[in-house]
């Protein structure tokens, strides 16, 4: 199992939630490729419940999306040239019931989006720290839909623009649980995570 990382797709290994973004805008063709990748994600009964609202710095919606973020995210996300709000449809219209896989499927679509962005030299940083009810109100999102995350998207910038605390976060090594802590052959062998781990 040693050096198993070398067999994992490089876009997965290289993906990182950066905090410092360049002012360089995201090219329209790359944005289309990223959303096309999101479109091709698998979903339960092929419901494809994901939706995305996006805006670049020159778009009216950018400041609206930025205003939804909690201050701790707004501090660094304001440098990103593109913000994206992910949304999922909670109702399975065909079966007239709650789609309990809606957020799972949104996560699959967003993972496609993030990995495709990485393959194009971009970085995407999803954030849960935002005002979801205000997002629903501001963007007049219909009943039956819920907001998932706001994603900062762009090219890597100079880390020197970050505060000392944010710089420590960006340069900290990426840490993951050991494989045996997350994958169990034949039955449950896990334990609850310790607080703060």
N, C-alpha and C. Protein backbone atom coordinates (compact mmCIF):
# COMPACT_ATOMS: atom_id res chain seq x y z
N UNK A 1 0.81 -1.21 0.00
CA UNK A 1 0.00 0.00 0.00
C UNK A 1 0.86 1.27 0.00
N UNK A 2 2.18 1.11 0.21
CA UNK A 2 3.05 2.28 0.21
C UNK A 2 3.07 2.90 -1.18
N UNK A 3 3.18 4.22 -1.22
CA UNK A 3 3.21 4.97 -2.47
C UNK A 3 1.93 4.81 -3.29
N UNK A 4 0.82 4.50 -2.63
CA UNK A 4 -0.44 4.36 -3.35
C UNK A 4 -0.86 5.71 -3.95
N UNK A 5 -0.42 6.82 -3.31
CA UNK A 5 -0.72 8.15 -3.84
C UNK A 5 -0.28 8.31 -5.28
N UNK A 6 0.79 7.65 -5.64
CA UNK A 6 1.31 7.79 -7.00
C UNK A 6 0.36 7.22 -8.05
N UNK A 7 -0.59 6.38 -7.62
CA UNK A 7 -1.56 5.81 -8.54
C UNK A 7 -2.86 6.61 -8.61
N UNK A 8 -3.02 7.57 -7.72
CA UNK A 8 -4.25 8.37 -7.69
C UNK A 8 -4.14 9.49 -8.71
N UNK A 9 -5.26 9.80 -9.36
CA UNK A 9 -5.30 10.87 -10.36
C UNK A 9 -4.69 12.15 -9.79
N UNK A 10 -3.81 12.77 -10.53
CA UNK A 10 -3.08 13.95 -10.06
C UNK A 10 -4.01 15.12 -9.72
N UNK A 11 -5.14 15.23 -10.41
CA UNK A 11 -6.06 16.33 -10.10
C UNK A 11 -6.65 16.19 -8.70
N UNK A 12 -6.81 14.96 -8.25
CA UNK A 12 -7.31 14.73 -6.89
C UNK A 12 -6.23 15.09 -5.88
N UNK A 13 -5.01 14.69 -6.14
CA UNK A 13 -3.89 14.98 -5.23
C UNK A 13 -3.58 16.48 -5.22
N UNK A 14 -3.64 17.12 -6.39
CA UNK A 14 -3.26 18.54 -6.51
C UNK A 14 -4.36 19.50 -6.10
N UNK A 15 -5.59 19.02 -5.97
CA UNK A 15 -6.69 19.89 -5.58
C UNK A 15 -6.41 20.48 -4.20
N UNK A 16 -6.64 21.77 -4.06
CA UNK A 16 -6.44 22.42 -2.77
C UNK A 16 -7.38 23.61 -2.68
N UNK A 17 -7.89 23.85 -1.47
CA UNK A 17 -8.77 25.00 -1.24
C UNK A 17 -7.91 26.21 -0.91
N UNK A 18 -7.47 26.90 -1.98
CA UNK A 18 -6.62 28.07 -1.80
C UNK A 18 -7.39 29.23 -1.18
N UNK A 19 -6.64 30.16 -0.60
CA UNK A 19 -7.21 31.36 -0.01
C UNK A 19 -6.77 32.62 -0.74
N UNK A 20 -5.70 32.53 -1.51
CA UNK A 20 -5.19 33.69 -2.25
C UNK A 20 -5.41 33.46 -3.74
N UNK A 21 -6.17 34.36 -4.35
CA UNK A 21 -6.48 34.25 -5.78
C UNK A 21 -5.87 35.39 -6.57
N UNK A 22 -5.52 35.11 -7.80
CA UNK A 22 -5.07 36.12 -8.75
C UNK A 22 -6.30 36.90 -9.24
N UNK A 23 -6.07 38.11 -9.70
CA UNK A 23 -7.17 38.91 -10.27
C UNK A 23 -7.51 38.49 -11.69
N UNK A 24 -6.72 37.60 -12.26
CA UNK A 24 -6.96 37.14 -13.64
C UNK A 24 -8.35 36.51 -13.73
N UNK A 25 -9.19 36.99 -14.65
CA UNK A 25 -10.54 36.41 -14.76
C UNK A 25 -10.52 34.99 -15.31
N UNK A 26 -11.56 34.25 -14.99
CA UNK A 26 -11.71 32.90 -15.52
C UNK A 26 -12.28 33.00 -16.94
N UNK A 27 -11.59 32.39 -17.89
CA UNK A 27 -12.02 32.47 -19.29
C UNK A 27 -13.37 31.77 -19.48
N UNK A 28 -14.19 32.35 -20.36
CA UNK A 28 -15.54 31.82 -20.60
C UNK A 28 -15.51 30.36 -21.03
N UNK A 29 -14.57 30.00 -21.89
CA UNK A 29 -14.52 28.62 -22.38
C UNK A 29 -14.17 27.66 -21.24
N UNK A 30 -13.29 28.07 -20.33
CA UNK A 30 -12.96 27.21 -19.20
C UNK A 30 -14.14 27.06 -18.26
N UNK A 31 -14.87 28.15 -18.07
CA UNK A 31 -16.05 28.09 -17.22
C UNK A 31 -17.09 27.13 -17.80
N UNK A 32 -17.25 27.18 -19.11
CA UNK A 32 -18.19 26.26 -19.77
C UNK A 32 -17.75 24.80 -19.60
N UNK A 33 -16.46 24.56 -19.72
CA UNK A 33 -15.94 23.20 -19.53
C UNK A 33 -16.18 22.72 -18.10
N UNK A 34 -15.98 23.60 -17.15
CA UNK A 34 -16.17 23.26 -15.73
C UNK A 34 -17.63 22.89 -15.46
N UNK A 35 -18.55 23.69 -15.97
CA UNK A 35 -19.97 23.38 -15.75
C UNK A 35 -20.41 22.16 -16.56
N UNK A 36 -19.79 21.93 -17.69
CA UNK A 36 -20.08 20.72 -18.46
C UNK A 36 -19.66 19.48 -17.66
N UNK A 37 -18.52 19.56 -16.99
CA UNK A 37 -18.09 18.46 -16.14
C UNK A 37 -19.08 18.23 -15.00
N UNK A 38 -19.56 19.32 -14.40
CA UNK A 38 -20.55 19.22 -13.33
C UNK A 38 -21.84 18.57 -13.85
N UNK A 39 -22.20 18.89 -15.07
CA UNK A 39 -23.43 18.38 -15.68
C UNK A 39 -23.41 16.87 -15.84
N UNK A 40 -22.23 16.28 -16.02
CA UNK A 40 -22.10 14.86 -16.30
C UNK A 40 -21.96 13.99 -15.04
N UNK A 41 -22.18 14.57 -13.88
CA UNK A 41 -22.08 13.79 -12.64
C UNK A 41 -23.21 12.76 -12.56
N UNK A 42 -22.96 11.66 -11.85
CA UNK A 42 -24.04 10.70 -11.63
C UNK A 42 -25.04 11.23 -10.60
N UNK A 43 -26.28 10.76 -10.66
CA UNK A 43 -27.28 11.14 -9.67
C UNK A 43 -28.32 10.04 -9.54
N UNK A 44 -28.95 9.99 -8.38
CA UNK A 44 -29.97 8.98 -8.11
C UNK A 44 -31.13 9.13 -9.11
N UNK A 45 -31.47 8.04 -9.78
CA UNK A 45 -32.53 8.02 -10.80
C UNK A 45 -32.33 9.10 -11.87
N UNK A 46 -31.07 9.51 -12.06
CA UNK A 46 -30.72 10.52 -13.05
C UNK A 46 -31.51 11.82 -12.87
N UNK A 47 -31.79 12.17 -11.60
CA UNK A 47 -32.59 13.37 -11.32
C UNK A 47 -31.83 14.66 -11.62
N UNK A 48 -30.50 14.61 -11.56
CA UNK A 48 -29.67 15.80 -11.82
C UNK A 48 -30.21 17.03 -11.08
N UNK A 49 -30.24 16.96 -9.73
CA UNK A 49 -30.89 18.03 -8.97
C UNK A 49 -30.06 19.30 -8.80
N UNK A 50 -28.82 19.30 -9.27
CA UNK A 50 -27.93 20.43 -9.04
C UNK A 50 -28.27 21.63 -9.92
N UNK A 51 -28.03 22.80 -9.39
CA UNK A 51 -28.12 24.07 -10.12
C UNK A 51 -26.99 24.95 -9.61
N UNK A 52 -26.55 25.89 -10.45
CA UNK A 52 -25.46 26.79 -10.07
C UNK A 52 -25.79 28.21 -10.51
N UNK A 53 -25.59 29.16 -9.62
CA UNK A 53 -25.66 30.59 -9.95
C UNK A 53 -24.22 31.11 -9.83
N UNK A 54 -23.73 31.76 -10.87
CA UNK A 54 -22.33 32.20 -10.85
C UNK A 54 -22.22 33.65 -11.30
N UNK A 55 -21.15 34.29 -10.88
CA UNK A 55 -20.91 35.68 -11.27
C UNK A 55 -19.42 35.99 -11.15
N UNK A 56 -18.91 36.73 -12.14
CA UNK A 56 -17.56 37.25 -12.09
C UNK A 56 -17.58 38.64 -11.49
N UNK A 57 -16.41 39.19 -11.24
CA UNK A 57 -16.31 40.48 -10.55
C UNK A 57 -17.02 41.61 -11.30
N UNK A 58 -17.16 41.48 -12.62
CA UNK A 58 -17.82 42.52 -13.41
C UNK A 58 -19.33 42.33 -13.46
N UNK A 59 -19.84 41.26 -12.89
CA UNK A 59 -21.27 40.97 -12.92
C UNK A 59 -21.96 41.51 -11.67
N UNK A 60 -23.22 41.90 -11.84
CA UNK A 60 -23.99 42.43 -10.72
C UNK A 60 -24.11 41.42 -9.58
N UNK A 61 -24.24 40.15 -9.92
CA UNK A 61 -24.45 39.13 -8.91
C UNK A 61 -23.27 38.87 -8.01
N UNK A 62 -22.07 39.33 -8.41
CA UNK A 62 -20.88 39.03 -7.61
C UNK A 62 -20.98 39.61 -6.21
N UNK A 63 -21.32 40.89 -6.11
CA UNK A 63 -21.41 41.53 -4.80
C UNK A 63 -22.53 40.92 -3.96
N UNK A 64 -23.60 40.45 -4.62
CA UNK A 64 -24.68 39.78 -3.90
C UNK A 64 -24.17 38.47 -3.30
N UNK A 65 -23.44 37.69 -4.10
CA UNK A 65 -22.88 36.43 -3.59
C UNK A 65 -21.88 36.70 -2.47
N UNK A 66 -21.03 37.69 -2.67
CA UNK A 66 -20.03 38.03 -1.65
C UNK A 66 -20.70 38.45 -0.34
N UNK A 67 -21.81 39.18 -0.46
CA UNK A 67 -22.50 39.67 0.74
C UNK A 67 -23.10 38.54 1.57
N UNK A 68 -23.31 37.38 0.98
CA UNK A 68 -23.88 36.24 1.69
C UNK A 68 -22.87 35.55 2.61
N UNK A 69 -21.58 35.74 2.33
CA UNK A 69 -20.54 35.02 3.07
C UNK A 69 -20.37 35.56 4.48
N UNK A 70 -20.06 34.65 5.41
CA UNK A 70 -19.68 35.07 6.75
C UNK A 70 -18.36 35.83 6.64
N UNK A 71 -18.11 36.74 7.57
CA UNK A 71 -16.94 37.62 7.49
C UNK A 71 -15.63 36.84 7.37
N UNK A 72 -15.52 35.70 8.05
CA UNK A 72 -14.28 34.93 8.01
C UNK A 72 -13.98 34.41 6.60
N UNK A 73 -15.01 34.16 5.82
CA UNK A 73 -14.82 33.75 4.42
C UNK A 73 -14.69 34.96 3.49
N UNK A 74 -15.48 35.98 3.78
CA UNK A 74 -15.46 37.18 2.93
C UNK A 74 -14.07 37.80 2.89
N UNK A 75 -13.35 37.70 4.02
CA UNK A 75 -12.01 38.29 4.16
C UNK A 75 -11.08 37.88 3.02
N UNK A 76 -11.12 36.60 2.63
CA UNK A 76 -10.22 36.13 1.57
C UNK A 76 -10.95 35.90 0.24
N UNK A 77 -12.22 35.53 0.29
CA UNK A 77 -12.94 35.19 -0.94
C UNK A 77 -13.15 36.40 -1.85
N UNK A 78 -13.04 37.60 -1.30
CA UNK A 78 -13.23 38.81 -2.10
C UNK A 78 -12.17 38.95 -3.19
N UNK A 79 -11.06 38.19 -3.08
CA UNK A 79 -10.04 38.24 -4.13
C UNK A 79 -10.34 37.29 -5.29
N UNK A 80 -11.26 36.36 -5.09
CA UNK A 80 -11.58 35.39 -6.15
C UNK A 80 -12.30 36.09 -7.30
N UNK A 81 -11.91 35.83 -8.55
CA UNK A 81 -12.57 36.49 -9.67
C UNK A 81 -13.95 35.94 -9.99
N UNK A 82 -14.29 34.78 -9.42
CA UNK A 82 -15.58 34.15 -9.72
C UNK A 82 -16.14 33.54 -8.44
N UNK A 83 -17.44 33.75 -8.20
CA UNK A 83 -18.14 33.10 -7.10
C UNK A 83 -19.30 32.30 -7.67
N UNK A 84 -19.54 31.13 -7.10
CA UNK A 84 -20.57 30.21 -7.58
C UNK A 84 -21.39 29.75 -6.39
N UNK A 85 -22.70 29.84 -6.50
CA UNK A 85 -23.60 29.30 -5.48
C UNK A 85 -24.16 27.98 -5.98
N UNK A 86 -23.94 26.91 -5.22
CA UNK A 86 -24.49 25.61 -5.60
C UNK A 86 -25.84 25.42 -4.91
N UNK A 87 -26.77 24.80 -5.62
CA UNK A 87 -28.15 24.64 -5.16
C UNK A 87 -28.59 23.23 -5.55
N UNK A 88 -29.47 22.64 -4.75
CA UNK A 88 -30.01 21.34 -5.12
C UNK A 88 -31.52 21.29 -4.94
N UNK A 89 -32.17 20.55 -5.82
CA UNK A 89 -33.62 20.38 -5.76
C UNK A 89 -33.94 19.23 -4.80
N UNK A 90 -34.68 19.54 -3.75
CA UNK A 90 -34.94 18.57 -2.69
C UNK A 90 -36.12 17.65 -2.99
N UNK A 91 -36.94 17.99 -3.98
CA UNK A 91 -38.13 17.20 -4.30
C UNK A 91 -37.89 16.39 -5.56
N UNK A 92 -38.18 15.11 -5.49
CA UNK A 92 -38.16 14.26 -6.68
C UNK A 92 -39.53 14.38 -7.34
N UNK A 93 -39.60 15.19 -8.40
CA UNK A 93 -40.88 15.49 -9.05
C UNK A 93 -41.53 14.22 -9.58
N UNK A 94 -40.74 13.34 -10.19
CA UNK A 94 -41.30 12.13 -10.79
C UNK A 94 -41.98 11.25 -9.74
N UNK A 95 -41.42 11.21 -8.54
CA UNK A 95 -41.97 10.33 -7.50
C UNK A 95 -42.77 11.11 -6.46
N UNK A 96 -42.80 12.44 -6.60
CA UNK A 96 -43.54 13.31 -5.69
C UNK A 96 -43.17 13.05 -4.22
N UNK A 97 -41.86 13.06 -3.95
CA UNK A 97 -41.39 12.85 -2.59
C UNK A 97 -40.04 13.53 -2.41
N UNK A 98 -39.60 13.62 -1.16
CA UNK A 98 -38.29 14.20 -0.87
C UNK A 98 -37.21 13.33 -1.49
N UNK A 99 -36.25 13.96 -2.15
CA UNK A 99 -35.09 13.26 -2.69
C UNK A 99 -34.01 13.24 -1.62
N UNK A 100 -33.90 12.11 -0.91
CA UNK A 100 -32.94 12.06 0.19
C UNK A 100 -31.50 12.01 -0.29
N UNK A 101 -31.29 11.89 -1.59
CA UNK A 101 -29.94 11.88 -2.16
C UNK A 101 -29.56 13.23 -2.76
N UNK A 102 -30.41 14.24 -2.58
CA UNK A 102 -30.21 15.52 -3.26
C UNK A 102 -28.84 16.14 -2.96
N UNK A 103 -28.45 16.19 -1.68
CA UNK A 103 -27.16 16.79 -1.33
C UNK A 103 -26.01 15.87 -1.72
N UNK A 104 -26.23 14.57 -1.65
CA UNK A 104 -25.20 13.62 -2.13
C UNK A 104 -24.91 13.88 -3.60
N UNK A 105 -25.97 14.03 -4.39
CA UNK A 105 -25.80 14.24 -5.83
C UNK A 105 -25.19 15.61 -6.13
N UNK A 106 -25.59 16.62 -5.37
CA UNK A 106 -24.96 17.94 -5.53
C UNK A 106 -23.47 17.85 -5.24
N UNK A 107 -23.10 17.07 -4.22
CA UNK A 107 -21.69 16.88 -3.90
C UNK A 107 -20.92 16.21 -5.03
N UNK A 108 -21.55 15.21 -5.67
CA UNK A 108 -20.90 14.56 -6.81
C UNK A 108 -20.68 15.55 -7.95
N UNK A 109 -21.68 16.36 -8.23
CA UNK A 109 -21.57 17.34 -9.31
C UNK A 109 -20.50 18.39 -8.98
N UNK A 110 -20.50 18.84 -7.73
CA UNK A 110 -19.51 19.84 -7.33
C UNK A 110 -18.10 19.27 -7.35
N UNK A 111 -17.96 17.99 -6.99
CA UNK A 111 -16.63 17.35 -7.07
C UNK A 111 -16.15 17.33 -8.51
N UNK A 112 -17.04 17.01 -9.44
CA UNK A 112 -16.67 17.07 -10.86
C UNK A 112 -16.20 18.47 -11.24
N UNK A 113 -16.96 19.46 -10.80
CA UNK A 113 -16.63 20.86 -11.09
C UNK A 113 -15.24 21.21 -10.55
N UNK A 114 -14.98 20.83 -9.31
CA UNK A 114 -13.71 21.17 -8.67
C UNK A 114 -12.54 20.47 -9.34
N UNK A 115 -12.70 19.19 -9.66
CA UNK A 115 -11.61 18.45 -10.27
C UNK A 115 -11.35 18.91 -11.70
N UNK A 116 -12.42 19.27 -12.42
CA UNK A 116 -12.22 19.80 -13.77
C UNK A 116 -11.50 21.14 -13.70
N UNK A 117 -11.88 21.97 -12.74
CA UNK A 117 -11.20 23.26 -12.55
C UNK A 117 -9.71 23.03 -12.29
N UNK A 118 -9.40 22.07 -11.43
CA UNK A 118 -8.01 21.76 -11.11
C UNK A 118 -7.24 21.35 -12.36
N UNK A 119 -7.87 20.56 -13.21
CA UNK A 119 -7.20 20.09 -14.44
C UNK A 119 -6.92 21.24 -15.40
N UNK A 120 -7.65 22.35 -15.24
CA UNK A 120 -7.47 23.51 -16.12
C UNK A 120 -6.57 24.58 -15.49
N UNK A 121 -5.93 24.24 -14.37
CA UNK A 121 -5.03 25.19 -13.72
C UNK A 121 -5.72 26.16 -12.78
N UNK A 122 -7.01 25.93 -12.52
CA UNK A 122 -7.79 26.77 -11.62
C UNK A 122 -7.92 26.09 -10.27
N UNK A 123 -8.35 26.85 -9.28
CA UNK A 123 -8.62 26.29 -7.97
C UNK A 123 -10.01 26.71 -7.53
N UNK A 124 -10.71 25.78 -6.88
CA UNK A 124 -12.06 26.04 -6.41
C UNK A 124 -12.11 25.74 -4.91
N UNK A 125 -12.65 26.68 -4.16
CA UNK A 125 -12.71 26.54 -2.70
C UNK A 125 -14.16 26.65 -2.26
N UNK A 126 -14.80 25.50 -1.94
CA UNK A 126 -16.20 25.55 -1.49
C UNK A 126 -16.30 25.99 -0.03
N UNK A 127 -17.35 26.75 0.27
CA UNK A 127 -17.56 27.29 1.62
C UNK A 127 -18.98 27.03 2.08
N UNK A 128 -19.10 26.54 3.30
CA UNK A 128 -20.42 26.38 3.91
C UNK A 128 -20.79 27.58 4.77
N UNK A 129 -19.84 28.48 5.01
CA UNK A 129 -20.08 29.63 5.88
C UNK A 129 -20.72 30.79 5.13
N UNK A 130 -22.05 30.70 4.96
CA UNK A 130 -22.80 31.77 4.31
C UNK A 130 -24.25 31.72 4.78
N UNK A 131 -24.99 32.76 4.51
CA UNK A 131 -26.38 32.88 4.94
C UNK A 131 -27.30 32.25 3.90
N UNK A 132 -27.70 31.01 4.16
CA UNK A 132 -28.50 30.27 3.18
C UNK A 132 -29.89 30.89 2.99
N UNK A 133 -30.55 31.27 4.06
CA UNK A 133 -31.90 31.82 3.93
C UNK A 133 -31.88 33.13 3.13
N UNK A 134 -30.84 33.94 3.33
CA UNK A 134 -30.72 35.18 2.56
C UNK A 134 -30.42 34.87 1.09
N UNK A 135 -29.65 33.83 0.83
CA UNK A 135 -29.37 33.42 -0.55
C UNK A 135 -30.66 33.06 -1.27
N UNK A 136 -31.52 32.30 -0.60
CA UNK A 136 -32.81 31.90 -1.17
C UNK A 136 -33.64 33.14 -1.49
N UNK A 137 -33.62 34.11 -0.56
CA UNK A 137 -34.41 35.33 -0.73
C UNK A 137 -33.85 36.23 -1.85
N UNK A 138 -32.56 36.49 -1.80
CA UNK A 138 -31.93 37.42 -2.76
C UNK A 138 -32.07 36.91 -4.19
N UNK A 139 -31.84 35.63 -4.38
CA UNK A 139 -31.85 35.08 -5.74
C UNK A 139 -33.20 34.47 -6.13
N UNK A 140 -34.19 34.66 -5.24
CA UNK A 140 -35.56 34.21 -5.52
C UNK A 140 -35.57 32.74 -5.96
N UNK A 141 -34.87 31.92 -5.19
CA UNK A 141 -34.80 30.49 -5.48
C UNK A 141 -36.13 29.86 -5.06
N UNK A 142 -36.75 29.08 -5.93
CA UNK A 142 -38.10 28.57 -5.63
C UNK A 142 -38.14 27.59 -4.47
N UNK A 143 -39.33 27.40 -3.93
CA UNK A 143 -39.55 26.39 -2.89
C UNK A 143 -39.11 25.03 -3.41
N UNK A 144 -38.60 24.21 -2.51
CA UNK A 144 -38.17 22.87 -2.91
C UNK A 144 -36.69 22.80 -3.24
N UNK A 145 -36.01 23.95 -3.25
CA UNK A 145 -34.57 23.99 -3.50
C UNK A 145 -33.84 24.46 -2.24
N UNK A 146 -32.63 23.96 -2.05
CA UNK A 146 -31.79 24.42 -0.93
C UNK A 146 -30.40 24.77 -1.45
N UNK A 147 -29.80 25.76 -0.82
CA UNK A 147 -28.43 26.16 -1.18
C UNK A 147 -27.44 25.20 -0.53
N UNK A 148 -26.38 24.87 -1.26
CA UNK A 148 -25.38 23.94 -0.75
C UNK A 148 -24.11 24.62 -0.26
N UNK A 149 -23.47 25.39 -1.13
CA UNK A 149 -22.19 26.03 -0.79
C UNK A 149 -21.97 27.21 -1.73
N UNK A 150 -21.08 28.09 -1.34
CA UNK A 150 -20.56 29.11 -2.26
C UNK A 150 -19.13 28.71 -2.56
N UNK A 151 -18.78 28.72 -3.84
CA UNK A 151 -17.47 28.26 -4.29
C UNK A 151 -16.70 29.44 -4.87
N UNK A 152 -15.52 29.70 -4.32
CA UNK A 152 -14.61 30.70 -4.89
C UNK A 152 -13.79 30.00 -5.96
N UNK A 153 -13.70 30.61 -7.14
CA UNK A 153 -13.01 29.99 -8.27
C UNK A 153 -12.04 30.99 -8.90
N UNK A 154 -10.83 30.52 -9.20
CA UNK A 154 -9.88 31.38 -9.88
C UNK A 154 -8.50 30.77 -9.95
N UNK A 155 -7.58 31.56 -10.45
CA UNK A 155 -6.18 31.15 -10.54
C UNK A 155 -5.48 31.46 -9.22
N UNK A 156 -4.42 30.70 -8.90
CA UNK A 156 -3.70 30.98 -7.66
C UNK A 156 -3.06 32.36 -7.68
N UNK A 157 -3.14 33.04 -6.54
CA UNK A 157 -2.57 34.38 -6.42
C UNK A 157 -1.36 34.37 -5.50
N UNK A 158 -0.84 35.53 -5.25
CA UNK A 158 0.33 35.68 -4.39
C UNK A 158 -0.10 35.57 -2.93
N UNK A 159 0.39 34.58 -2.20
CA UNK A 159 -0.02 34.41 -0.80
C UNK A 159 0.32 35.60 0.10
N UNK A 160 1.19 36.49 -0.36
CA UNK A 160 1.58 37.64 0.47
C UNK A 160 0.40 38.60 0.70
N UNK A 161 -0.67 38.45 -0.07
CA UNK A 161 -1.85 39.31 0.14
C UNK A 161 -2.65 38.88 1.36
N UNK A 162 -2.34 37.70 1.91
CA UNK A 162 -3.12 37.15 3.02
C UNK A 162 -2.61 37.66 4.36
N UNK A 163 -3.52 37.68 5.33
CA UNK A 163 -3.11 37.97 6.71
C UNK A 163 -2.25 36.81 7.21
N UNK A 164 -1.60 37.01 8.33
CA UNK A 164 -0.72 35.97 8.87
C UNK A 164 -1.48 34.67 9.16
N UNK A 165 -2.68 34.81 9.73
CA UNK A 165 -3.48 33.61 10.05
C UNK A 165 -3.90 32.87 8.79
N UNK A 166 -4.33 33.62 7.77
CA UNK A 166 -4.76 32.99 6.52
C UNK A 166 -3.58 32.36 5.79
N UNK A 167 -2.43 33.01 5.87
CA UNK A 167 -1.23 32.46 5.24
C UNK A 167 -0.86 31.12 5.87
N UNK A 168 -0.99 31.03 7.19
CA UNK A 168 -0.71 29.75 7.88
C UNK A 168 -1.68 28.67 7.38
N UNK A 169 -2.94 29.06 7.21
CA UNK A 169 -3.93 28.08 6.72
C UNK A 169 -3.59 27.60 5.32
N UNK A 170 -3.23 28.54 4.45
CA UNK A 170 -2.96 28.17 3.06
C UNK A 170 -1.71 27.30 2.92
N UNK A 171 -0.70 27.57 3.74
CA UNK A 171 0.57 26.85 3.60
C UNK A 171 0.65 25.60 4.47
N UNK A 172 -0.37 25.37 5.30
CA UNK A 172 -0.36 24.17 6.14
C UNK A 172 -0.43 22.92 5.26
N UNK A 173 0.24 21.85 5.67
CA UNK A 173 0.17 20.61 4.88
C UNK A 173 -1.24 20.06 4.88
N UNK A 174 -1.62 19.45 3.77
CA UNK A 174 -2.93 18.80 3.68
C UNK A 174 -2.86 17.48 4.43
N UNK A 175 -3.80 17.27 5.32
CA UNK A 175 -3.81 16.07 6.15
C UNK A 175 -5.09 15.29 5.88
N UNK A 176 -4.97 13.98 5.75
CA UNK A 176 -6.11 13.11 5.56
C UNK A 176 -6.03 11.94 6.53
N UNK A 177 -7.19 11.42 6.92
CA UNK A 177 -7.21 10.23 7.77
C UNK A 177 -6.58 9.08 7.02
N UNK A 178 -6.05 8.11 7.79
CA UNK A 178 -5.48 6.92 7.19
C UNK A 178 -6.58 6.11 6.53
N UNK A 179 -6.22 5.36 5.50
CA UNK A 179 -7.18 4.58 4.73
C UNK A 179 -7.96 3.62 5.62
N UNK A 180 -7.28 2.99 6.58
CA UNK A 180 -7.96 2.03 7.44
C UNK A 180 -8.98 2.68 8.38
N UNK A 181 -8.94 4.02 8.49
CA UNK A 181 -9.92 4.74 9.31
C UNK A 181 -11.21 5.02 8.54
N UNK A 182 -11.19 4.85 7.21
CA UNK A 182 -12.38 5.22 6.43
C UNK A 182 -12.95 4.08 5.58
N UNK A 183 -12.17 3.02 5.36
CA UNK A 183 -12.63 1.92 4.50
C UNK A 183 -12.50 0.61 5.26
N UNK A 184 -13.64 -0.07 5.50
CA UNK A 184 -13.69 -1.26 6.34
C UNK A 184 -14.19 -2.45 5.52
N UNK A 185 -13.40 -3.47 5.44
CA UNK A 185 -13.79 -4.67 4.71
C UNK A 185 -14.76 -5.51 5.55
N UNK A 186 -15.94 -5.76 5.02
CA UNK A 186 -16.87 -6.71 5.61
C UNK A 186 -17.73 -6.22 6.75
N UNK A 187 -17.45 -5.07 7.33
CA UNK A 187 -18.26 -4.57 8.44
C UNK A 187 -17.65 -3.35 9.09
N UNK A 188 -18.43 -2.75 9.99
CA UNK A 188 -18.03 -1.49 10.63
C UNK A 188 -16.86 -1.70 11.57
N UNK A 189 -15.82 -0.92 11.41
CA UNK A 189 -14.68 -0.96 12.31
C UNK A 189 -14.26 0.46 12.72
N UNK A 190 -15.14 1.39 12.45
CA UNK A 190 -14.79 2.79 12.69
C UNK A 190 -15.11 3.25 14.09
N UNK A 191 -14.72 4.49 14.36
CA UNK A 191 -15.04 5.13 15.63
C UNK A 191 -15.33 6.59 15.34
N UNK A 192 -15.97 7.23 16.29
CA UNK A 192 -16.27 8.66 16.13
C UNK A 192 -14.98 9.46 16.14
N UNK A 193 -14.98 10.55 15.35
CA UNK A 193 -13.82 11.44 15.35
C UNK A 193 -13.73 12.19 16.67
N UNK A 194 -12.52 12.43 17.10
CA UNK A 194 -12.32 13.26 18.29
C UNK A 194 -12.61 14.72 17.94
N UNK A 195 -13.17 15.50 18.89
CA UNK A 195 -13.45 16.91 18.60
C UNK A 195 -12.20 17.63 18.10
N UNK A 196 -12.37 18.39 17.03
CA UNK A 196 -11.28 19.17 16.48
C UNK A 196 -10.34 18.40 15.60
N UNK A 197 -10.60 17.12 15.39
CA UNK A 197 -9.67 16.34 14.57
C UNK A 197 -10.07 16.40 13.11
